[in-house]
C-alpha atoms as a PDB file:
ATOM      1  CA  UNK A   1     105.949 103.984 125.161  1.00  0.00           C
ATOM      2  CA  UNK A   2     102.829 103.228 123.209  1.00  0.00           C
ATOM      3  CA  UNK A   3      99.786 102.425 125.319  1.00  0.00           C
ATOM      4  CA  UNK A   4      97.704  99.429 124.490  1.00  0.00           C
ATOM      5  CA  UNK A   5      98.511  96.243 122.761  1.00  0.00           C
ATOM      6  CA  UNK A   6      97.730  94.911 119.377  1.00  0.00           C
ATOM      7  CA  UNK A   7      98.137  95.927 115.782  1.00  0.00           C
ATOM      8  CA  UNK A   8      97.465  99.665 116.268  1.00  0.00           C
ATOM      9  CA  UNK A   9     100.167 100.073 118.897  1.00  0.00           C
ATOM     10  CA  UNK A  10     102.650  98.200 116.708  1.00  0.00           C
ATOM     11  CA  UNK A  11     101.831 100.309 113.648  1.00  0.00           C
ATOM     12  CA  UNK A  12     102.093 103.519 115.672  1.00  0.00           C
ATOM     13  CA  UNK A  13     105.524 102.493 116.931  1.00  0.00           C
ATOM     14  CA  UNK A  14     106.640 101.692 113.381  1.00  0.00           C
ATOM     15  CA  UNK A  15     105.311 105.074 112.251  1.00  0.00           C
ATOM     16  CA  UNK A  16     107.339 106.826 114.947  1.00  0.00           C
ATOM     17  CA  UNK A  17     110.537 105.088 113.861  1.00  0.00           C
ATOM     18  CA  UNK A  18     109.915 105.790 110.170  1.00  0.00           C
ATOM     19  CA  UNK A  19     109.804 102.122 109.217  1.00  0.00           C
ATOM     20  CA  UNK A  20     106.065 101.818 108.669  1.00  0.00           C
ATOM     21  CA  UNK A  21     106.157 102.125 104.884  1.00  0.00           C
ATOM     22  CA  UNK A  22     109.008  99.658 104.469  1.00  0.00           C
ATOM     23  CA  UNK A  23     107.537  97.176 106.925  1.00  0.00           C
ATOM     24  CA  UNK A  24     104.109  97.472 105.326  1.00  0.00           C
ATOM     25  CA  UNK A  25     105.535  96.353 102.003  1.00  0.00           C
ATOM     26  CA  UNK A  26     107.646  93.680 103.661  1.00  0.00           C
ATOM     27  CA  UNK A  27     110.979  95.066 102.534  1.00  0.00           C
ATOM     28  CA  UNK A  28     112.604  95.122 105.963  1.00  0.00           C
ATOM     29  CA  UNK A  29     111.532  91.624 106.860  1.00  0.00           C
ATOM     30  CA  UNK A  30     112.799  89.997 103.659  1.00  0.00           C
ATOM     31  CA  UNK A  31     115.839  92.082 102.762  1.00  0.00           C
ATOM     32  CA  UNK A  32     119.196  90.408 102.509  1.00  0.00           C
ATOM     33  CA  UNK A  33     122.528  92.185 102.949  1.00  0.00           C
ATOM     34  CA  UNK A  34     123.045  91.897  99.180  1.00  0.00           C
ATOM     35  CA  UNK A  35     119.749  93.678  98.436  1.00  0.00           C
ATOM     36  CA  UNK A  36     120.411  96.337 101.094  1.00  0.00           C
ATOM     37  CA  UNK A  37     123.928  96.863  99.761  1.00  0.00           C
ATOM     38  CA  UNK A  38     122.574  97.260  96.248  1.00  0.00           C
ATOM     39  CA  UNK A  39     120.081  99.882  97.461  1.00  0.00           C
ATOM     40  CA  UNK A  40     122.819 101.796  99.311  1.00  0.00           C
ATOM     41  CA  UNK A  41     125.061 101.777  96.231  1.00  0.00           C
ATOM     42  CA  UNK A  42     122.163 103.039  94.085  1.00  0.00           C
ATOM     43  CA  UNK A  43     121.547 105.837  96.588  1.00  0.00           C
ATOM     44  CA  UNK A  44     125.248 106.703  96.483  1.00  0.00           C
ATOM     45  CA  UNK A  45     125.044 106.958  92.690  1.00  0.00           C
ATOM     46  CA  UNK A  46     121.939 109.133  92.969  1.00  0.00           C
ATOM     47  CA  UNK A  47     123.545 111.536  95.463  1.00  0.00           C
ATOM     48  CA  UNK A  48     126.686 111.718  93.317  1.00  0.00           C
ATOM     49  CA  UNK A  49     124.583 112.536  90.249  1.00  0.00           C
ATOM     50  CA  UNK A  50     122.701 115.263  92.129  1.00  0.00           C
ATOM     51  CA  UNK A  51     125.995 116.723  93.383  1.00  0.00           C
ATOM     52  CA  UNK A  52     127.394 116.812  89.838  1.00  0.00           C
ATOM     53  CA  UNK A  53     124.239 118.520  88.567  1.00  0.00           C
ATOM     54  CA  UNK A  54     124.424 121.039  91.422  1.00  0.00           C
ATOM     55  CA  UNK A  55     128.064 121.834  90.622  1.00  0.00           C
ATOM     56  CA  UNK A  56     127.291 122.347  86.941  1.00  0.00           C
ATOM     57  CA  UNK A  57     124.364 124.603  87.764  1.00  0.00           C
ATOM     58  CA  UNK A  58     126.198 126.768  90.306  1.00  0.00           C
ATOM     59  CA  UNK A  59     129.653 126.428  88.695  1.00  0.00           C
ATOM     60  CA  UNK A  60     131.200 126.184  92.162  1.00  0.00           C
ATOM     61  CA  UNK A  61     131.509 123.744  95.027  1.00  0.00           C
ATOM     62  CA  UNK A  62     129.170 124.948  97.753  1.00  0.00           C
ATOM     63  CA  UNK A  63     128.140 123.516 101.105  1.00  0.00           C
ATOM     64  CA  UNK A  64     125.267 121.541  99.566  1.00  0.00           C
ATOM     65  CA  UNK A  65     127.590 119.845  97.068  1.00  0.00           C
ATOM     66  CA  UNK A  66     130.023 118.814  99.790  1.00  0.00           C
ATOM     67  CA  UNK A  67     127.107 117.567 101.893  1.00  0.00           C
ATOM     68  CA  UNK A  68     125.779 115.427  99.026  1.00  0.00           C
ATOM     69  CA  UNK A  69     129.231 113.954  98.363  1.00  0.00           C
ATOM     70  CA  UNK A  70     129.586 113.146 102.077  1.00  0.00           C
ATOM     71  CA  UNK A  71     126.239 111.319 102.060  1.00  0.00           C
ATOM     72  CA  UNK A  72     127.206 109.489  98.849  1.00  0.00           C
ATOM     73  CA  UNK A  73     130.485 108.395 100.445  1.00  0.00           C
ATOM     74  CA  UNK A  74     128.666 106.961 103.458  1.00  0.00           C
ATOM     75  CA  UNK A  75     126.198 105.195 101.158  1.00  0.00           C
ATOM     76  CA  UNK A  76     128.935 103.646  99.017  1.00  0.00           C
ATOM     77  CA  UNK A  77     130.879 102.493 102.092  1.00  0.00           C
ATOM     78  CA  UNK A  78     127.779 100.996 103.707  1.00  0.00           C
ATOM     79  CA  UNK A  79     126.745  99.336 100.451  1.00  0.00           C
ATOM     80  CA  UNK A  80     130.135  97.736  99.922  1.00  0.00           C
ATOM     81  CA  UNK A  81     130.224  96.580 103.541  1.00  0.00           C
ATOM     82  CA  UNK A  82     126.758  95.009 103.191  1.00  0.00           C
ATOM     83  CA  UNK A  83     127.718  93.213  99.968  1.00  0.00           C
ATOM     84  CA  UNK A  84     130.879  91.937 101.661  1.00  0.00           C
ATOM     85  CA  UNK A  85     128.814  90.781 104.629  1.00  0.00           C
ATOM     86  CA  UNK A  86     126.504  88.885 102.276  1.00  0.00           C
ATOM     87  CA  UNK A  87     129.362  86.955 100.698  1.00  0.00           C
ATOM     88  CA  UNK A  88     130.946  86.341 104.103  1.00  0.00           C
ATOM     89  CA  UNK A  89     127.653  84.839 105.326  1.00  0.00           C
ATOM     90  CA  UNK A  90     127.446  82.669 102.191  1.00  0.00           C
ATOM     91  CA  UNK A  91     130.719  80.882 103.051  1.00  0.00           C
END
């Protein structure tokens, strides 16, 4: 637990959770499920691209390639779920 009260304690807690940068720019506070889903899908595309580049460079499927594809799969699934949640909330 962070000692003290006020802005410094709040910022320290955000720093510990890794959300300080995003909260500082206001992304977490204003993000909608559609925006978050779009970001997750973009990250899935990025990890897929990196995995393809890694496979072409090594000419084999190694642990790192499988790991990147696993992360991309989770990102795509989360992104699609968030987009679906957005449209479900719109109804």
